[in-house]
Amino acid sequence: MKKYLPTMIAVLLAVSTEIGVADPYTLPIALDYTLIKKAVVSQLFTGEGGSAEVWNDKHKCSFLKLSNPRIAGEGGQVKMLNDVQAQLGTAIAGQCLTVLAWDGALETFQKPTISADHSTISLPVTKANAYDQNGQQLTVDKLMDLIKRAAEPKLASLKLDLNKSRPDMEKTLTSFLPKDSTPEVKKILSTLKFSSADANDNGIKINMAFDASPKKITPKPEAPFTEAEQRQWQTTWKEWDAFLTKAIDQAASESQSQELKHSLTEILAESRTAFQSGLKAQSPNSSDPVRVFFTQTWEKLAPQLRTLAKQLPELKALRYMTFIAATDVMYELDNIGSPLGLEISSDGLRRLARLVIADKEEAKAK
């Protein structure tokens, strides 16, 4: 979670849309509990059989283990339920003598909390209950004290720290945007902070705030491609086409879904037609082919990708959810691209394609 959420934030920033005509801007991020569970498992539950040994004595005669985490939302908090295996013992003549063994469940309620400087989100435990296998509340004070001292801090240790994440976000952002935007990216990231974090029934909703000079997009015509530019673009598009075809095969393999492969292949074919039309001159009365392609495609593809993401391991799931969240921002809001000037339209495509061609020509000349 510490590693992949900064990438999600950076992608969303790259396509974020102006909420109003003045600073600050707000950037929404929705984290589904399925993904939060996968992140928790990858961080904490790395022991044998997917367990987390949160405490042991030096002789290994006493230990406290958690396993099988279940995560949901309840009452505006994150509710986590873990199986618990506890043992208290002592070492005698090289052998462990078990004094107390207990199996049960630990229920914690954890409130998403923003630090005073608005740079970190943590999940401190606000309430904890332990139950035996019959559902009776734990009454052994020594065990309950051990759970409070050892288990609760581990469960509360997952954090998202902007101060540590800014370099990764800068690297990701600058890969999406023209080179001359780098100073502005750094300036925006220096103001980035958490403005709210709330748990609900579906996940955790995070709002990011940042300051930027308003760049409300005023649609400007971009000249259709010349024949020479069309030839240059075709070379670039063939490289992208090959990459996307490979990505489709990988997605289908990961999901074991031929339906997804069919949908993605169909969309890729539609994109070829839409983008080619977008580069050419169009009738003033016709619909923008790039804009139409984007909105119609997302309505068809998003439900499949959301289902797929919930079935995949953490790293792969977060990769899909990053794309979904970023595209949702573009889809739902109308003025695409502020504050960094991106635009989803035929004119925007031509402008971006010319930047790509220029960068490739510059790289060849070096």
Protein backbone atom coordinates (compact mmCIF):
# COMPACT_ATOMS: atom_id res chain seq x y z
CA MET A 1 0.00 0.00 0.00
CA LYS A 2 2.85 2.38 0.81
CA LYS A 3 4.35 1.62 -2.58
CA TYR A 4 1.35 1.62 -4.91
CA LEU A 5 -0.98 4.32 -3.57
CA PRO A 6 1.49 7.10 -4.49
CA THR A 7 1.31 5.88 -8.07
CA MET A 8 -2.48 6.04 -7.95
CA ILE A 9 -2.33 9.60 -6.61
CA ALA A 10 0.12 10.63 -9.33
CA VAL A 11 -1.99 9.19 -12.13
CA LEU A 12 -5.08 10.91 -10.77
CA LEU A 13 -3.20 14.21 -10.50
CA ALA A 14 -2.14 13.89 -14.10
CA VAL A 15 -5.77 13.73 -15.24
CA SER A 16 -7.39 15.75 -12.45
CA THR A 17 -10.06 18.23 -13.34
CA GLU A 18 -10.71 21.71 -12.07
CA ILE A 19 -13.50 21.72 -9.48
CA GLY A 20 -13.94 25.50 -9.59
CA VAL A 21 -12.26 28.56 -11.01
CA ALA A 22 -10.07 29.21 -7.98
CA ASP A 23 -7.60 27.32 -5.81
CA PRO A 24 -7.48 24.91 -4.11
CA TYR A 25 -8.28 21.79 -6.11
CA THR A 26 -9.64 18.55 -4.67
CA LEU A 27 -8.73 15.09 -5.89
CA PRO A 28 -10.89 12.09 -4.84
CA ILE A 29 -9.46 8.58 -4.35
CA ALA A 30 -11.69 5.60 -3.50
CA LEU A 31 -10.05 2.54 -1.92
CA ASP A 32 -12.21 -0.58 -2.01
CA TYR A 33 -11.97 -2.85 1.07
CA THR A 34 -10.92 -5.71 -1.19
CA LEU A 35 -7.80 -3.76 -2.13
CA ILE A 36 -7.20 -2.62 1.46
CA LYS A 37 -7.26 -6.26 2.57
CA LYS A 38 -4.75 -7.23 -0.11
CA ALA A 39 -2.50 -4.36 0.96
CA VAL A 40 -2.74 -5.39 4.64
CA VAL A 41 -1.96 -9.01 3.79
CA SER A 42 1.08 -8.07 1.75
CA GLN A 43 2.40 -5.82 4.54
CA LEU A 44 1.66 -7.85 7.68
CA PHE A 45 0.53 -11.39 6.90
CA THR A 46 3.74 -12.71 5.38
CA GLY A 47 4.36 -15.65 7.71
CA GLU A 48 3.71 -19.34 7.23
CA GLY A 49 0.20 -20.00 5.92
CA GLY A 50 -0.46 -16.27 5.55
CA SER A 51 -0.10 -15.56 9.28
CA ALA A 52 1.36 -12.57 11.12
CA GLU A 53 3.41 -13.34 14.22
CA VAL A 54 3.10 -10.02 16.00
CA TRP A 55 5.01 -11.07 19.12
CA ASN A 56 7.19 -13.88 20.50
CA ASP A 57 9.66 -14.35 23.32
CA LYS A 58 13.28 -15.10 22.64
CA HIS A 59 12.74 -18.82 23.31
CA LYS A 60 9.69 -19.04 21.01
CA CYS A 61 7.78 -20.54 23.92
CA SER A 62 5.35 -17.63 23.94
CA PHE A 63 3.85 -16.05 20.86
CA LEU A 64 0.87 -14.20 19.45
CA LYS A 65 -0.23 -14.88 15.87
CA LEU A 66 -2.94 -13.37 13.69
CA SER A 67 -4.38 -14.90 10.53
CA ASN A 68 -7.29 -14.82 8.09
CA PRO A 69 -8.02 -11.05 8.15
CA ARG A 70 -11.53 -9.94 7.16
CA ILE A 71 -12.09 -6.24 6.50
CA ALA A 72 -15.31 -4.24 6.16
CA GLY A 73 -16.78 -0.89 7.14
CA GLU A 74 -19.02 -0.23 10.13
CA GLY A 75 -20.12 3.00 11.75
CA GLY A 76 -17.66 5.15 9.82
CA GLN A 77 -14.68 3.00 10.80
CA VAL A 78 -12.67 0.14 9.32
CA LYS A 79 -13.69 -3.10 11.01
CA MET A 80 -11.04 -5.83 10.94
CA LEU A 81 -11.59 -9.37 12.21
CA ASN A 82 -8.60 -11.71 12.66
CA ASP A 83 -8.21 -15.24 13.92
CA VAL A 84 -5.84 -15.30 16.94
CA GLN A 85 -3.54 -18.00 18.24
CA ALA A 86 -1.82 -17.18 21.56
CA GLN A 87 0.53 -19.19 23.74
CA LEU A 88 2.28 -18.31 26.98
CA GLY A 89 5.02 -20.65 28.16
CA THR A 90 8.41 -20.93 29.74
CA ALA A 91 11.67 -22.61 28.76
CA ILE A 92 12.86 -25.38 31.07
CA ALA A 93 15.95 -27.44 30.26
CA GLY A 94 15.72 -26.50 26.62
CA GLN A 95 12.07 -27.47 26.38
CA CYS A 96 8.97 -25.25 26.23
CA LEU A 97 6.41 -25.74 28.95
CA THR A 98 3.04 -24.32 27.88
CA VAL A 99 1.31 -22.40 30.63
CA LEU A 100 -1.64 -21.05 28.60
CA ALA A 101 -2.88 -21.65 25.06
CA TRP A 102 -5.80 -19.75 23.57
CA ASP A 103 -7.48 -19.61 20.16
CA GLY A 104 -10.09 -17.07 19.25
CA ALA A 105 -10.80 -13.94 17.25
CA LEU A 106 -9.76 -10.30 17.50
CA GLU A 107 -12.16 -7.59 16.34
CA THR A 108 -10.73 -4.09 15.89
CA PHE A 109 -12.30 -0.83 14.83
CA GLN A 110 -9.86 1.56 13.16
CA LYS A 111 -10.48 5.17 12.25
CA PRO A 112 -8.71 6.70 9.21
CA THR A 113 -6.81 9.59 10.79
CA ILE A 114 -4.89 12.47 9.21
CA SER A 115 -1.77 13.80 10.93
CA ALA A 116 -1.56 17.40 12.15
CA ASP A 117 0.52 18.42 9.12
CA HIS A 118 -1.93 16.67 6.74
CA SER A 119 0.86 14.55 5.25
CA THR A 120 0.06 11.10 6.70
CA ILE A 121 -2.98 8.84 7.00
CA SER A 122 -2.92 6.13 9.65
CA LEU A 123 -5.44 3.62 11.04
CA PRO A 124 -5.25 3.79 14.84
CA VAL A 125 -7.33 1.27 16.76
CA THR A 126 -10.21 2.92 18.59
CA LYS A 127 -11.77 -0.25 20.01
CA ALA A 128 -10.74 -3.89 20.29
CA ASN A 129 -12.66 -6.99 21.38
CA ALA A 130 -11.35 -10.54 21.67
CA TYR A 131 -13.61 -13.59 21.65
CA ASP A 132 -13.01 -17.30 22.17
CA GLN A 133 -14.18 -19.94 19.71
CA ASN A 134 -17.60 -19.99 21.37
CA GLY A 135 -18.06 -16.26 20.90
CA GLN A 136 -17.47 -15.44 24.58
CA GLN A 137 -15.45 -12.29 25.30
CA LEU A 138 -11.87 -12.84 26.48
CA THR A 139 -11.56 -12.43 30.27
CA VAL A 140 -7.86 -13.30 30.71
CA ASP A 141 -6.30 -9.93 31.57
CA LYS A 142 -2.77 -11.04 30.72
CA LEU A 143 -3.78 -12.09 27.21
CA MET A 144 -5.86 -8.97 26.63
CA ASP A 145 -2.92 -6.84 27.73
CA LEU A 146 -0.65 -8.72 25.33
CA ILE A 147 -3.10 -8.11 22.48
CA LYS A 148 -3.18 -4.39 23.27
CA ARG A 149 0.62 -4.15 23.50
CA ALA A 150 1.53 -6.32 20.51
CA ALA A 151 -1.36 -6.80 18.09
CA GLU A 152 -3.03 -3.39 18.05
CA PRO A 153 0.13 -1.44 17.10
CA LYS A 154 0.84 -3.85 14.24
CA LEU A 155 -2.68 -3.50 12.87
CA ALA A 156 -2.40 0.27 13.14
CA SER A 157 1.01 0.41 11.43
CA LEU A 158 -0.20 0.74 7.83
CA LYS A 159 0.37 4.35 6.73
CA LEU A 160 0.41 6.49 3.64
CA ASP A 161 3.08 9.19 3.98
CA LEU A 162 3.12 11.96 1.38
CA ASN A 163 6.55 13.18 2.47
CA LYS A 164 8.06 9.83 1.50
CA SER A 165 5.90 9.48 -1.61
CA ARG A 166 6.48 12.80 -3.39
CA PRO A 167 9.60 11.65 -5.35
CA ASP A 168 7.69 8.62 -6.70
CA MET A 169 4.70 10.78 -7.61
CA GLU A 170 6.92 13.30 -9.37
CA LYS A 171 8.52 10.53 -11.42
CA THR A 172 5.12 9.09 -12.39
CA LEU A 173 3.57 12.46 -13.17
CA THR A 174 6.39 13.65 -15.39
CA SER A 175 6.11 10.45 -17.44
CA PHE A 176 2.52 11.41 -18.33
CA LEU A 177 3.13 15.06 -19.18
CA PRO A 178 5.24 17.25 -21.49
CA LYS A 179 8.80 17.88 -20.30
CA ASP A 180 8.27 21.61 -19.82
CA SER A 181 5.65 20.88 -17.14
CA THR A 182 8.24 19.52 -14.65
CA PRO A 183 8.68 22.78 -12.63
CA GLU A 184 4.91 23.12 -12.30
CA VAL A 185 4.58 19.48 -11.22
CA LYS A 186 7.12 20.03 -8.43
CA LYS A 187 5.32 23.17 -7.30
CA ILE A 188 1.95 21.39 -7.19
CA LEU A 189 3.35 18.37 -5.31
CA SER A 190 4.87 20.65 -2.67
CA THR A 191 1.32 21.77 -1.76
CA LEU A 192 -0.28 18.32 -1.88
CA LYS A 193 -1.97 17.27 1.37
CA PHE A 194 -4.73 15.04 2.72
CA SER A 195 -7.88 17.05 3.32
CA SER A 196 -10.15 14.20 4.45
CA ALA A 197 -10.26 10.41 4.89
CA ASP A 198 -13.54 8.69 5.68
CA ALA A 199 -14.50 5.02 5.96
CA ASN A 200 -17.85 3.92 4.58
CA ASP A 201 -19.54 0.62 3.78
CA ASN A 202 -17.58 0.17 0.53
CA GLY A 203 -14.09 1.39 1.42
CA ILE A 204 -12.09 4.46 2.39
CA LYS A 205 -12.70 7.71 0.56
CA ILE A 206 -9.68 10.01 0.54
CA ASN A 207 -9.65 13.62 -0.64
CA MET A 208 -6.39 15.28 -1.61
CA ALA A 209 -6.00 19.05 -1.74
CA PHE A 210 -3.41 20.93 -3.76
CA ASP A 211 -2.80 24.43 -5.05
CA ALA A 212 -2.31 25.27 -8.70
CA SER A 213 -2.72 28.18 -11.05
CA PRO A 214 -6.11 27.78 -12.74
CA LYS A 215 -5.86 26.63 -16.34
CA LYS A 216 -9.46 26.37 -17.40
CA ILE A 217 -9.41 24.87 -20.85
CA THR A 218 -10.64 27.07 -23.64
CA PRO A 219 -11.15 24.81 -26.64
CA LYS A 220 -8.72 25.81 -29.36
CA PRO A 221 -8.67 24.29 -32.82
CA GLU A 222 -5.64 22.20 -33.68
CA ALA A 223 -4.94 21.80 -37.38
CA PRO A 224 -5.63 18.36 -38.88
CA PHE A 225 -2.57 16.21 -39.54
CA THR A 226 -0.71 16.59 -42.80
CA GLU A 227 0.19 13.51 -44.84
CA ALA A 228 3.75 13.69 -43.52
CA GLU A 229 2.50 13.82 -39.92
CA GLN A 230 0.14 10.93 -40.61
CA ARG A 231 3.10 8.79 -41.71
CA GLN A 232 5.09 9.74 -38.59
CA TRP A 233 2.10 8.97 -36.39
CA GLN A 234 1.52 5.57 -37.96
CA THR A 235 5.04 4.51 -36.93
CA THR A 236 4.37 5.53 -33.33
CA TRP A 237 0.90 4.00 -33.28
CA LYS A 238 2.23 0.64 -34.49
CA GLU A 239 4.51 0.54 -31.42
CA TRP A 240 1.60 1.40 -29.11
CA ASP A 241 -0.67 -1.08 -30.88
CA ALA A 242 1.81 -3.90 -30.32
CA PHE A 243 2.20 -2.95 -26.66
CA LEU A 244 -1.58 -2.80 -26.10
CA THR A 245 -2.13 -6.12 -27.87
CA LYS A 246 0.41 -7.74 -25.54
CA ALA A 247 -1.25 -6.07 -22.53
CA ILE A 248 -4.64 -7.46 -23.59
CA ASP A 249 -3.22 -10.97 -23.77
CA GLN A 250 -1.72 -10.55 -20.30
CA ALA A 251 -4.98 -9.23 -18.81
CA ALA A 252 -6.90 -12.14 -20.29
CA SER A 253 -4.34 -14.60 -18.93
CA GLU A 254 -4.40 -13.07 -15.42
CA SER A 255 -8.18 -13.09 -15.28
CA GLN A 256 -8.74 -16.37 -17.15
CA SER A 257 -11.46 -14.42 -18.97
CA GLN A 258 -11.99 -14.79 -22.70
CA GLU A 259 -14.89 -12.34 -22.39
CA LEU A 260 -12.51 -9.64 -21.17
CA LYS A 261 -10.06 -10.40 -23.99
CA HIS A 262 -12.86 -10.11 -26.55
CA SER A 263 -14.01 -6.77 -25.08
CA LEU A 264 -10.49 -5.32 -24.96
CA THR A 265 -9.66 -6.47 -28.49
CA GLU A 266 -12.88 -4.91 -29.76
CA ILE A 267 -12.09 -1.65 -27.96
CA LEU A 268 -8.57 -1.57 -29.41
CA ALA A 269 -10.02 -1.94 -32.90
CA GLU A 270 -12.49 0.87 -32.20
CA SER A 271 -9.67 3.09 -30.90
CA ARG A 272 -7.77 2.70 -34.17
CA THR A 273 -10.77 4.01 -36.08
CA ALA A 274 -11.63 6.78 -33.59
CA PHE A 275 -8.08 8.10 -33.30
CA GLN A 276 -7.51 8.02 -37.02
CA SER A 277 -10.72 10.01 -37.51
CA GLY A 278 -9.65 12.43 -34.77
CA LEU A 279 -6.45 13.30 -36.60
CA LYS A 280 -8.29 14.30 -39.74
CA ALA A 281 -10.49 17.29 -40.53
CA GLN A 282 -14.10 16.90 -39.33
CA SER A 283 -17.43 18.38 -40.14
CA PRO A 284 -18.38 21.20 -37.68
CA ASN A 285 -21.74 19.50 -37.07
CA SER A 286 -20.37 16.01 -36.32
CA SER A 287 -19.68 14.52 -32.88
CA ASP A 288 -16.08 14.46 -31.73
CA PRO A 289 -14.94 10.87 -32.46
CA VAL A 290 -12.31 10.84 -29.68
CA ARG A 291 -14.71 12.09 -27.02
CA VAL A 292 -17.46 9.70 -28.14
CA PHE A 293 -15.03 6.76 -28.14
CA PHE A 294 -13.83 7.56 -24.63
CA THR A 295 -17.25 7.89 -23.00
CA GLN A 296 -18.87 4.93 -24.75
CA THR A 297 -15.87 2.69 -24.15
CA TRP A 298 -15.68 3.45 -20.44
CA GLU A 299 -19.34 2.61 -19.89
CA LYS A 300 -18.69 -0.81 -21.39
CA LEU A 301 -15.26 -1.55 -19.93
CA ALA A 302 -15.35 -0.19 -16.36
CA PRO A 303 -17.66 -2.86 -14.83
CA GLN A 304 -15.50 -5.66 -16.22
CA LEU A 305 -12.28 -4.12 -14.92
CA ARG A 306 -13.74 -3.57 -11.44
CA THR A 307 -14.76 -7.23 -11.26
CA LEU A 308 -11.34 -8.31 -12.52
CA ALA A 309 -9.44 -6.14 -10.01
CA LYS A 310 -11.19 -7.76 -7.04
CA GLN A 311 -10.08 -11.22 -8.22
CA LEU A 312 -6.37 -10.46 -8.65
CA PRO A 313 -3.44 -10.33 -6.22
CA GLU A 314 -2.65 -6.94 -4.66
CA LEU A 315 -0.05 -5.62 -7.11
CA LYS A 316 -2.07 -6.50 -10.21
CA ALA A 317 -5.35 -5.37 -8.65
CA LEU A 318 -3.96 -1.97 -7.71
CA ARG A 319 -2.61 -1.55 -11.23
CA TYR A 320 -6.10 -1.99 -12.67
CA MET A 321 -7.77 0.12 -9.95
CA THR A 322 -5.28 2.95 -10.54
CA PHE A 323 -6.38 3.07 -14.16
CA ILE A 324 -10.06 2.80 -13.23
CA ALA A 325 -9.90 5.59 -10.64
CA ALA A 326 -7.99 7.92 -12.95
CA THR A 327 -10.36 7.34 -15.82
CA ASP A 328 -13.41 7.81 -13.59
CA VAL A 329 -12.20 11.31 -12.80
CA MET A 330 -11.92 12.10 -16.50
CA TYR A 331 -15.26 10.51 -17.33
CA GLU A 332 -17.37 12.13 -14.64
CA LEU A 333 -16.13 15.70 -14.91
CA ASP A 334 -16.46 17.85 -17.99
CA ASN A 335 -13.48 20.21 -18.12
CA ILE A 336 -10.76 17.64 -18.67
CA GLY A 337 -7.17 18.36 -17.85
CA SER A 338 -6.86 21.30 -15.44
CA PRO A 339 -4.58 22.28 -13.95
CA LEU A 340 -2.01 20.75 -16.31
CA GLY A 341 -3.79 21.38 -19.59
CA LEU A 342 -4.76 17.88 -20.77
CA GLU A 343 -7.79 17.61 -23.05
CA ILE A 344 -9.74 14.59 -24.31
CA SER A 345 -10.94 15.58 -27.76
CA SER A 346 -9.76 15.37 -31.35
CA ASP A 347 -7.94 18.69 -30.91
CA GLY A 348 -6.34 17.36 -27.71
CA LEU A 349 -5.30 14.17 -29.49
CA ARG A 350 -3.66 16.13 -32.32
CA ARG A 351 -1.85 18.35 -29.83
CA LEU A 352 -0.59 15.37 -27.80
CA ALA A 353 0.34 13.39 -30.92
CA ARG A 354 2.46 16.30 -32.20
CA LEU A 355 4.27 16.44 -28.84
CA VAL A 356 4.95 12.69 -29.04
CA ILE A 357 6.27 12.98 -32.60
CA ALA A 358 8.48 15.94 -31.66
CA ASP A 359 9.92 14.04 -28.68
CA LYS A 360 10.72 11.03 -30.87
CA GLU A 361 12.41 13.23 -33.49
CA GLU A 362 14.43 14.94 -30.75
CA ALA A 363 15.52 11.56 -29.37
CA LYS A 364 16.65 10.45 -32.83
CA ALA A 365 18.72 13.60 -33.29
CA LYS A 366 20.73 13.00 -30.10
